[in-house]
Amino acid sequence: MRVRVLFFGRLREIVGRAEEYLELAEGARVADLFARYGAQHPELAKLHTSVLAAVNQDFAPWDAILRADDEVAFLPPVSGGAEPASVHVAEDLFELVRAPLDVSAIVSLLRTPECGAVVAFEGTVRARSRGRATRYLEYEAYEPMALRKMREIGATLRARFPIHRLAIVHRLGRLEVGETSVLIAVSAAHRREAFDACRAALDALKRTVPIWKKEFFTDGSAWAEGELPAAPTTRPDAESNF
C-alpha cells in the first residue's frame, strides 16, 4: 500500500525532504514507518521522544495501523504575498497569512452592538531571544491541520465561554523584528469572559496547532522548542513489525 509522508521544521531538514510517497506492507504501524526513517537518519531516531505523529490531519498514537492513501505527518513540538489560507466559521475567523497583519481591521470585525468588551493578544517578534540578537524569524505550518485545530479551539471556546466572535490569525514565512506574528481577539458581553477566552485560546494554540518557528541570530540559527500535546500511547522506539 502507498502512503504520503510529510516532515516539518527540524525533521524536514534532517531527512532532506518535505514529503514523499512510500510503499508499505499491509498492517504497518505509524511506529514502523518512523523506524524506517530512523534507520536511515540516526539524528532523527534520537528525537523519537519528542516527535509527534498525525494521520490524516489528526494526532495519532504510534501503534495506529496505517491504510492505503493515508497522509502521515511527523511533527516536532509546536512552537508557538500569497492568498491566505483561511476558514470562516459563522462570525469567527481563522487564518494563516504571509502578509503583515492589519490588527485594527481584524479587531473591527469582532465588534457588535451586543459586545461590551473586545480583548486582543498580539504576539510580536522581539529583538533578543536566548540572550542573542535576533535578525528575523521564519514560521512554517502543517496548514490543513493547523486550520482544523484552530476550528477545534473555536468550538471548545464557544462551549466554555459566552463569547460573541473570535479571531485567530497567525503569520507564516519570514518576519522581521517588531512585526506581529499572531493575533487572538475575542468579543463578549463582559470583559471577564473575553479575557478568559483569549487566554484559553492562546494556551491551546501554543499547545496543539502545528506551527513551528526558526530563529535567525547574528551568529547562527535554531528551531524554537515548543510544547508537546498528550503523549502517544506507544513510543516509536518500540519493536517494529515493518
Protein backbone atom coordinates (compact mmCIF):
# COMPACT_ATOMS: atom_id res chain seq x y z
CA MET A 1 0.00 0.00 0.00
CA ARG A 2 1.12 3.58 -0.61
CA VAL A 3 1.06 6.42 1.93
CA ARG A 4 2.06 10.06 1.77
CA VAL A 5 4.68 11.09 4.34
CA LEU A 6 5.26 14.71 5.44
CA PHE A 7 8.03 16.27 7.53
CA PHE A 8 8.12 19.71 9.12
CA GLY A 9 10.59 22.01 10.84
CA ARG A 10 13.80 20.44 12.06
CA LEU A 11 12.64 16.99 10.95
CA ARG A 12 12.36 18.19 7.35
CA GLU A 13 15.93 19.45 7.49
CA ILE A 14 17.20 16.14 8.89
CA VAL A 15 15.61 13.91 6.24
CA GLY A 16 16.26 16.40 3.46
CA ARG A 17 12.73 16.48 2.06
CA ALA A 18 9.31 17.85 2.93
CA GLU A 19 7.25 14.95 1.58
CA GLU A 20 7.31 11.73 -0.38
CA TYR A 21 5.16 8.72 -1.19
CA LEU A 22 6.20 5.37 0.23
CA GLU A 23 5.13 1.76 -0.26
CA LEU A 24 4.43 -0.11 2.99
CA ALA A 25 3.36 -3.63 3.87
CA GLU A 26 -0.25 -4.15 4.91
CA GLY A 27 -0.64 -3.78 8.66
CA ALA A 28 2.27 -1.37 9.06
CA ARG A 29 2.01 0.97 12.05
CA VAL A 30 3.00 4.59 12.44
CA ALA A 31 5.91 3.38 14.60
CA ASP A 32 7.09 1.08 11.81
CA LEU A 33 7.18 3.96 9.36
CA PHE A 34 9.14 6.15 11.76
CA ALA A 35 11.56 3.29 12.46
CA ARG A 36 12.28 3.05 8.74
CA TYR A 37 13.28 6.70 8.56
CA GLY A 38 15.12 6.47 11.88
CA ALA A 39 17.30 3.69 10.48
CA GLN A 40 18.25 5.95 7.56
CA HIS A 41 18.74 9.07 9.69
CA PRO A 42 20.27 8.41 13.15
CA GLU A 43 19.76 12.05 14.15
CA LEU A 44 16.03 11.60 13.57
CA ALA A 45 15.97 8.43 15.67
CA LYS A 46 17.49 10.34 18.59
CA LEU A 47 14.48 12.68 18.60
CA HIS A 48 11.92 9.88 18.99
CA THR A 49 10.79 11.01 22.46
CA SER A 50 9.75 14.44 21.21
CA VAL A 51 8.34 13.62 17.77
CA LEU A 52 4.58 13.59 17.25
CA ALA A 53 2.65 11.79 14.54
CA ALA A 54 -0.52 12.80 12.73
CA VAL A 55 -2.58 10.66 10.38
CA ASN A 56 -4.97 12.43 8.03
CA GLN A 57 -4.52 15.69 9.98
CA ASP A 58 -5.28 14.29 13.44
CA PHE A 59 -2.75 13.42 16.13
CA ALA A 60 -2.31 9.65 16.16
CA PRO A 61 -0.80 7.06 18.53
CA TRP A 62 2.34 5.27 17.40
CA ASP A 63 0.58 1.90 17.27
CA ALA A 64 -2.08 3.17 14.84
CA ILE A 65 -2.46 0.87 11.83
CA LEU A 66 -1.95 2.62 8.52
CA ARG A 67 -4.15 2.21 5.46
CA ALA A 68 -3.65 2.86 1.77
CA ASP A 69 -3.62 6.56 0.82
CA ASP A 70 -3.18 7.75 4.42
CA GLU A 71 -1.34 11.04 4.93
CA VAL A 72 1.21 10.64 7.73
CA ALA A 73 2.98 13.68 9.16
CA PHE A 74 5.88 13.62 11.61
CA LEU A 75 5.91 16.79 13.68
CA PRO A 76 8.34 18.45 16.07
CA PRO A 77 6.77 20.07 19.16
CA VAL A 78 4.69 23.07 18.09
CA SER A 79 6.17 26.50 18.89
CA GLY A 80 4.49 28.88 19.40
CA GLY A 81 2.24 37.74 -0.89
CA ALA A 82 0.15 34.62 -1.42
CA GLU A 83 -3.54 34.35 -0.73
CA PRO A 84 -4.08 33.47 2.94
CA ALA A 85 -5.28 30.07 4.00
CA SER A 86 -8.39 30.82 5.99
CA VAL A 87 -11.58 29.40 7.42
CA HIS A 88 -14.64 31.35 8.46
CA VAL A 89 -16.98 29.61 10.89
CA ALA A 90 -20.14 31.65 11.48
CA GLU A 91 -18.69 35.03 12.53
CA ASP A 92 -15.33 33.61 13.61
CA LEU A 93 -12.10 33.99 11.65
CA PHE A 94 -9.18 31.53 11.43
CA GLU A 95 -6.32 32.43 9.09
CA LEU A 96 -2.74 31.63 8.18
CA VAL A 97 -1.27 34.58 6.28
CA ARG A 98 2.03 35.58 4.74
CA ALA A 99 1.37 39.31 4.56
CA PRO A 100 1.64 41.71 7.54
CA LEU A 101 -1.41 41.65 9.80
CA ASP A 102 -3.84 44.56 9.82
CA VAL A 103 -4.67 44.27 13.51
CA SER A 104 -7.16 47.14 13.60
CA ALA A 105 -9.13 45.78 10.66
CA ILE A 106 -9.33 42.29 12.16
CA VAL A 107 -10.40 43.56 15.59
CA SER A 108 -13.09 45.75 14.00
CA LEU A 109 -14.69 42.62 12.52
CA LEU A 110 -15.40 41.36 16.04
CA ARG A 111 -17.31 44.40 17.25
CA THR A 112 -21.07 44.01 17.58
CA PRO A 113 -23.74 46.14 19.29
CA GLU A 114 -24.14 43.37 21.88
CA CYS A 115 -20.50 43.18 22.97
CA GLY A 116 -19.20 45.20 25.88
CA ALA A 117 -15.59 44.07 25.59
CA VAL A 118 -13.04 43.21 22.92
CA VAL A 119 -9.79 41.66 24.14
CA ALA A 120 -6.86 41.16 21.78
CA PHE A 121 -3.48 39.50 22.24
CA GLU A 122 -0.80 40.49 19.76
CA GLY A 123 2.44 38.50 19.71
CA THR A 124 5.41 40.32 18.18
CA VAL A 125 8.97 39.46 17.18
CA ARG A 126 11.34 40.65 19.89
CA ALA A 127 14.87 41.91 19.29
CA ARG A 128 16.59 39.39 21.57
CA SER A 129 15.96 35.72 22.34
CA ARG A 130 18.01 33.24 24.38
CA GLY A 131 20.40 36.09 25.13
CA ARG A 132 21.18 36.58 21.43
CA ALA A 133 20.33 39.36 18.98
CA THR A 134 17.52 38.33 16.63
CA ARG A 135 17.80 39.10 12.90
CA TYR A 136 14.44 37.63 11.85
CA LEU A 137 12.12 34.63 12.33
CA GLU A 138 10.64 32.11 9.92
CA TYR A 139 7.35 30.33 10.65
CA GLU A 140 6.04 27.25 8.88
CA ALA A 141 2.91 25.17 9.43
CA TYR A 142 1.16 21.97 8.51
CA GLU A 143 -1.50 24.24 7.08
CA PRO A 144 -4.57 21.99 6.64
CA MET A 145 -4.14 20.52 10.12
CA ALA A 146 -3.38 23.93 11.65
CA LEU A 147 -6.64 25.38 10.36
CA ARG A 148 -8.52 22.31 11.54
CA LYS A 149 -7.06 22.66 15.04
CA MET A 150 -7.92 26.37 15.06
CA ARG A 151 -11.54 25.48 14.33
CA GLU A 152 -11.48 22.96 17.17
CA ILE A 153 -10.18 25.65 19.52
CA GLY A 154 -13.04 27.90 18.43
CA ALA A 155 -15.63 25.20 19.08
CA THR A 156 -14.18 24.50 22.52
CA LEU A 157 -14.16 28.18 23.46
CA ARG A 158 -17.78 28.60 22.41
CA ALA A 159 -18.73 25.64 24.58
CA ARG A 160 -16.86 27.09 27.59
CA PHE A 161 -17.42 30.85 27.34
CA PRO A 162 -20.34 33.12 26.30
CA ILE A 163 -18.37 34.91 23.58
CA HIS A 164 -19.69 36.74 20.52
CA ARG A 165 -16.87 36.46 17.99
CA LEU A 166 -13.34 35.08 17.79
CA ALA A 167 -10.34 35.63 15.52
CA ILE A 168 -7.12 33.57 15.47
CA VAL A 169 -4.66 34.73 12.81
CA HIS A 170 -1.04 33.58 12.51
CA ARG A 171 1.73 34.77 10.19
CA LEU A 172 3.86 32.35 8.18
CA GLY A 173 7.13 32.92 6.36
CA ARG A 174 9.77 35.49 7.26
CA LEU A 175 9.04 38.08 9.97
CA GLU A 176 11.27 40.98 10.92
CA VAL A 177 11.82 42.30 14.45
CA GLY A 178 8.74 44.21 15.62
CA GLU A 179 6.27 42.51 13.27
CA THR A 180 3.14 40.80 14.58
CA SER A 181 3.35 37.01 14.45
CA VAL A 182 -0.03 36.09 15.94
CA LEU A 183 -3.28 37.82 16.80
CA ILE A 184 -6.01 36.38 19.00
CA ALA A 185 -9.06 38.57 19.56
CA VAL A 186 -12.34 37.85 21.35
CA SER A 187 -15.50 39.88 21.76
CA ALA A 188 -18.03 39.21 24.52
CA ALA A 189 -20.66 40.97 26.57
CA HIS A 190 -18.33 41.26 29.57
CA ARG A 191 -14.58 41.69 30.00
CA ARG A 192 -14.01 38.65 32.20
CA GLU A 193 -15.32 36.20 29.60
CA ALA A 194 -13.34 37.96 26.87
CA PHE A 195 -10.08 37.86 28.86
CA ASP A 196 -10.55 34.23 29.92
CA ALA A 197 -11.40 33.06 26.39
CA CYS A 198 -8.45 34.94 24.89
CA ARG A 199 -6.01 33.35 27.35
CA ALA A 200 -7.50 29.88 26.78
CA ALA A 201 -7.22 30.31 23.01
CA LEU A 202 -3.56 31.32 23.25
CA ASP A 203 -2.70 28.39 25.52
CA ALA A 204 -4.44 25.93 23.17
CA LEU A 205 -2.81 27.46 20.09
CA LYS A 206 0.68 27.06 21.55
CA ARG A 207 -0.06 23.51 22.66
CA THR A 208 -1.94 21.92 19.76
CA VAL A 209 -1.65 23.86 16.49
CA PRO A 210 1.21 22.58 14.27
CA ILE A 211 3.16 25.78 13.65
CA TRP A 212 6.94 25.99 14.07
CA LYS A 213 9.37 28.86 14.46
CA LYS A 214 13.00 29.08 13.42
CA GLU A 215 15.02 31.91 14.93
CA PHE A 216 17.86 33.51 12.98
CA PHE A 217 20.51 35.31 15.01
CA THR A 218 23.57 37.31 14.09
CA ASP A 219 25.66 34.24 14.98
CA GLY A 220 23.54 31.30 13.77
CA SER A 221 20.01 29.89 13.87
CA ALA A 222 17.89 27.47 15.91
CA TRP A 223 14.43 25.92 15.90
CA ALA A 224 12.36 27.03 18.89
CA GLU A 225 11.32 24.14 21.10
CA GLY A 226 7.60 24.14 21.74
CA GLU A 227 5.11 22.18 23.80
CA LEU A 228 4.03 18.59 23.31
CA PRO A 229 0.35 17.59 23.24
CA ALA A 230 -0.67 14.44 25.10
CA ALA A 231 1.89 11.71 24.55
CA PRO A 232 1.03 8.87 22.13
CA THR A 233 0.15 5.53 23.68
CA THR A 234 3.36 3.92 22.43
CA ARG A 235 6.73 5.33 21.51
CA PRO A 236 8.33 4.91 18.08
CA ASP A 237 11.29 3.04 19.56
CA ALA A 238 9.02 0.08 20.28
CA GLU A 239 9.82 -3.10 18.38
CA SER A 240 8.92 -2.64 14.73
CA ASN A 241 6.91 -5.09 12.65
CA PHE A 242 7.82 -3.30 9.43
